[in-house]
């Protein structure tokens, strides 16, 4: 077995380190200068790709924001249109109900008048005449009331559908 080598003197090790550091620094510097153009040639396309990707992402974000704004605007407009149509239909429904109540009241009053006139009839022939007259008047009244009510229903339907029709027409114009 051989004896281990003695440890270098501290002064000799420090001197060796002082001599090696400048040589090592010079060789690193020389390698860096030689590698920089090659690294730049490799890094430049990567930088260009990153820039292209960033621009594409920014464009997509802007397009998404614009599409969202258009969608939000359209949804708000559609909601407003539906609310208007609903309010119009609701008001029309109230108008129809009120008119139906008025017509029933009128018809009930006519029947009460008929019953009152029956109490004054002196003979069966008077009752038949009163009944015939009531039937004729009721037929005419019901015909006029049906015509009036039908017109009112058509008006309410047209008024209620008006905002919806306008929105659909606008949508078709925009799509064309």
Protein backbone atom coordinates (compact mmCIF):
# COMPACT_ATOMS: atom_id res chain seq x y z
CA UNK A 1 0.00 0.00 0.00
CA UNK A 2 1.23 3.41 -0.85
CA UNK A 3 1.12 6.31 1.42
CA UNK A 4 -1.37 9.04 0.67
CA UNK A 5 -0.09 12.15 -0.94
CA UNK A 6 0.37 14.99 1.42
CA UNK A 7 -2.19 17.80 1.20
CA UNK A 8 -0.99 20.79 -0.80
CA UNK A 9 0.20 23.71 1.13
CA UNK A 10 -2.49 26.37 1.60
CA UNK A 11 -0.32 28.99 0.04
CA UNK A 12 0.38 26.81 -3.00
CA UNK A 13 -3.38 26.06 -3.43
CA UNK A 14 -4.26 29.75 -3.29
CA UNK A 15 -1.57 30.54 -5.84
CA UNK A 16 -2.88 27.80 -8.13
CA UNK A 17 -6.43 29.17 -7.83
CA UNK A 18 -5.22 32.69 -8.64
CA UNK A 19 -3.60 31.46 -11.80
CA UNK A 20 -6.56 29.28 -12.87
CA UNK A 21 -9.32 31.88 -12.44
CA UNK A 22 -8.16 34.29 -15.16
CA UNK A 23 -7.54 31.40 -17.57
CA UNK A 24 -10.99 29.97 -16.85
CA UNK A 25 -12.67 33.40 -17.18
CA UNK A 26 -10.94 33.98 -20.51
CA UNK A 27 -12.04 30.62 -21.89
CA UNK A 28 -15.66 31.21 -20.75
CA UNK A 29 -15.64 34.65 -22.33
CA UNK A 30 -14.24 33.28 -25.60
CA UNK A 31 -16.88 30.51 -25.65
CA UNK A 32 -19.65 33.06 -24.95
CA UNK A 33 -18.53 35.36 -27.77
CA UNK A 34 -18.44 32.46 -30.20
CA UNK A 35 -21.82 31.10 -29.04
CA UNK A 36 -23.72 34.43 -29.00
CA UNK A 37 -24.33 34.64 -32.78
CA UNK A 38 -25.40 31.01 -32.84
CA UNK A 39 -27.67 31.53 -29.82
CA UNK A 40 -29.06 34.68 -31.38
CA UNK A 41 -29.83 32.73 -34.55
CA UNK A 42 -31.72 30.17 -32.47
CA UNK A 43 -33.48 32.63 -30.17
CA UNK A 44 -34.62 35.09 -32.89
CA UNK A 45 -37.22 32.76 -34.47
CA UNK A 46 -38.50 31.85 -31.02
CA UNK A 47 -38.93 35.55 -30.23
CA UNK A 48 -40.77 36.08 -33.52
CA UNK A 49 -43.06 33.13 -32.76
CA UNK A 50 -43.76 34.53 -29.31
CA UNK A 51 -44.61 37.93 -30.80
CA UNK A 52 -46.89 36.35 -33.42
CA UNK A 53 -48.61 34.30 -30.72
CA UNK A 54 -49.06 37.38 -28.50
CA UNK A 55 -50.58 39.37 -31.38
CA UNK A 56 -52.92 36.48 -32.25
CA UNK A 57 -54.04 36.16 -28.63
CA UNK A 58 -54.63 39.92 -28.34
CA UNK A 59 -56.69 39.86 -31.58
CA UNK A 60 -58.75 36.93 -30.31
CA UNK A 61 -59.36 38.72 -27.01
CA UNK A 62 -60.52 41.87 -28.82
CA UNK A 63 -62.78 39.85 -31.13
CA UNK A 64 -64.23 37.98 -28.15
CA UNK A 65 -64.91 41.25 -26.33
CA UNK A 66 -66.64 42.69 -29.42
CA UNK A 67 -68.72 39.53 -29.91
CA UNK A 68 -69.72 39.57 -26.23
CA UNK A 69 -70.72 43.24 -26.47
CA UNK A 70 -72.89 42.50 -29.54
CA UNK A 71 -74.46 39.47 -27.84
CA UNK A 72 -75.16 41.45 -24.67
CA UNK A 73 -76.70 44.30 -26.66
CA UNK A 74 -78.88 41.89 -28.64
CA UNK A 75 -80.00 40.10 -25.49
CA UNK A 76 -80.91 43.39 -23.79
CA UNK A 77 -82.81 44.52 -26.89
CA UNK A 78 -84.66 41.20 -27.09
CA UNK A 79 -85.55 41.41 -23.41
CA UNK A 80 -86.88 44.93 -23.90
CA UNK A 81 -88.93 43.82 -26.89
CA UNK A 82 -90.43 40.90 -24.98
CA UNK A 83 -91.22 43.13 -22.00
CA UNK A 84 -92.96 45.64 -24.28
CA UNK A 85 -94.96 42.89 -25.98
CA UNK A 86 -95.93 41.42 -22.61
CA UNK A 87 -97.04 44.79 -21.23
CA UNK A 88 -99.09 45.44 -24.37
CA UNK A 89 -100.68 41.98 -24.20
CA UNK A 90 -101.41 42.42 -20.51
CA UNK A 91 -103.08 45.79 -21.06
CA UNK A 92 -105.04 44.32 -23.98
CA UNK A 93 -106.15 41.39 -21.86
CA UNK A 94 -107.43 43.77 -19.19
CA UNK A 95 -109.28 45.74 -21.88
CA UNK A 96 -110.84 42.52 -23.24
CA UNK A 97 -111.90 41.40 -19.76
CA UNK A 98 -113.44 44.77 -18.94
CA UNK A 99 -115.35 44.84 -22.23
CA UNK A 100 -116.57 41.25 -21.69
CA UNK A 101 -117.86 42.22 -18.23
CA UNK A 102 -119.62 45.27 -19.74
CA UNK A 103 -121.27 43.10 -22.40
CA UNK A 104 -122.43 40.53 -19.82
CA UNK A 105 -123.83 43.33 -17.67
CA UNK A 106 -125.72 44.75 -20.67
CA UNK A 107 -127.11 41.31 -21.58
CA UNK A 108 -128.13 40.65 -17.98
CA UNK A 109 -129.94 43.99 -17.81
CA UNK A 110 -131.81 43.15 -21.02
CA UNK A 111 -132.91 39.85 -19.49
CA UNK A 112 -134.06 41.58 -16.30
CA UNK A 113 -136.04 44.06 -18.42
CA UNK A 114 -137.57 41.13 -20.29
CA UNK A 115 -138.61 39.42 -17.05
CA UNK A 116 -140.06 42.72 -15.82
CA UNK A 117 -142.07 43.10 -19.05
CA UNK A 118 -143.31 39.50 -18.70
CA UNK A 119 -144.90 40.39 -15.41
CA UNK A 120 -147.01 42.97 -17.24
CA UNK A 121 -148.17 40.49 -19.94
CA UNK A 122 -151.93 39.90 -19.84
CA UNK A 123 -152.09 36.87 -22.13
CA UNK A 124 -150.05 34.06 -23.58
CA UNK A 125 -149.93 35.83 -26.93
CA UNK A 126 -148.34 38.86 -25.19
CA UNK A 127 -145.69 36.51 -23.75
CA UNK A 128 -145.00 35.03 -27.22
CA UNK A 129 -144.69 38.52 -28.73
CA UNK A 130 -142.30 39.60 -25.94
CA UNK A 131 -140.27 36.37 -26.32
CA UNK A 132 -140.04 36.81 -30.11
CA UNK A 133 -139.00 40.44 -29.76
CA UNK A 134 -136.36 39.48 -27.15
CA UNK A 135 -134.98 36.71 -29.38
CA UNK A 136 -134.71 39.09 -32.37
CA UNK A 137 -133.03 41.83 -30.28
CA UNK A 138 -130.69 39.35 -28.61
CA UNK A 139 -129.64 37.92 -32.00
CA UNK A 140 -128.88 41.41 -33.30
CA UNK A 141 -127.14 42.37 -30.07
CA UNK A 142 -125.04 39.19 -29.95
CA UNK A 143 -124.02 39.66 -33.59
CA UNK A 144 -122.94 43.24 -32.95
CA UNK A 145 -121.17 42.27 -29.72
CA UNK A 146 -119.35 39.37 -31.39
CA UNK A 147 -118.21 41.67 -34.20
CA UNK A 148 -117.03 44.31 -31.69
CA UNK A 149 -115.28 41.75 -29.49
CA UNK A 150 -113.63 40.10 -32.49
CA UNK A 151 -112.28 43.47 -33.63
CA UNK A 152 -111.00 44.16 -30.13
CA UNK A 153 -109.25 40.76 -29.98
CA UNK A 154 -107.62 41.41 -33.38
CA UNK A 155 -106.48 44.86 -32.23
CA UNK A 156 -104.96 43.46 -29.02
CA UNK A 157 -103.24 40.66 -30.94
CA UNK A 158 -101.81 43.08 -33.52
CA UNK A 159 -100.67 45.53 -30.83
CA UNK A 160 -99.05 42.73 -28.83
CA UNK A 161 -97.31 41.22 -31.86
CA UNK A 162 -96.18 44.62 -33.18
CA UNK A 163 -92.95 44.86 -31.15
CA UNK A 164 -92.10 41.23 -31.91
CA UNK A 165 -92.74 41.70 -35.63
CA UNK A 166 -90.56 44.80 -35.66
CA UNK A 167 -87.72 42.93 -33.91
CA UNK A 168 -87.94 40.01 -36.36
CA UNK A 169 -87.99 42.38 -39.34
CA UNK A 170 -84.95 44.21 -37.95
CA UNK A 171 -83.16 40.90 -37.46
CA UNK A 172 -83.92 39.84 -41.03
CA UNK A 173 -82.63 43.18 -42.37
CA UNK A 174 -79.42 42.79 -40.37
CA UNK A 175 -78.98 39.20 -41.55
CA UNK A 176 -79.40 40.16 -45.21
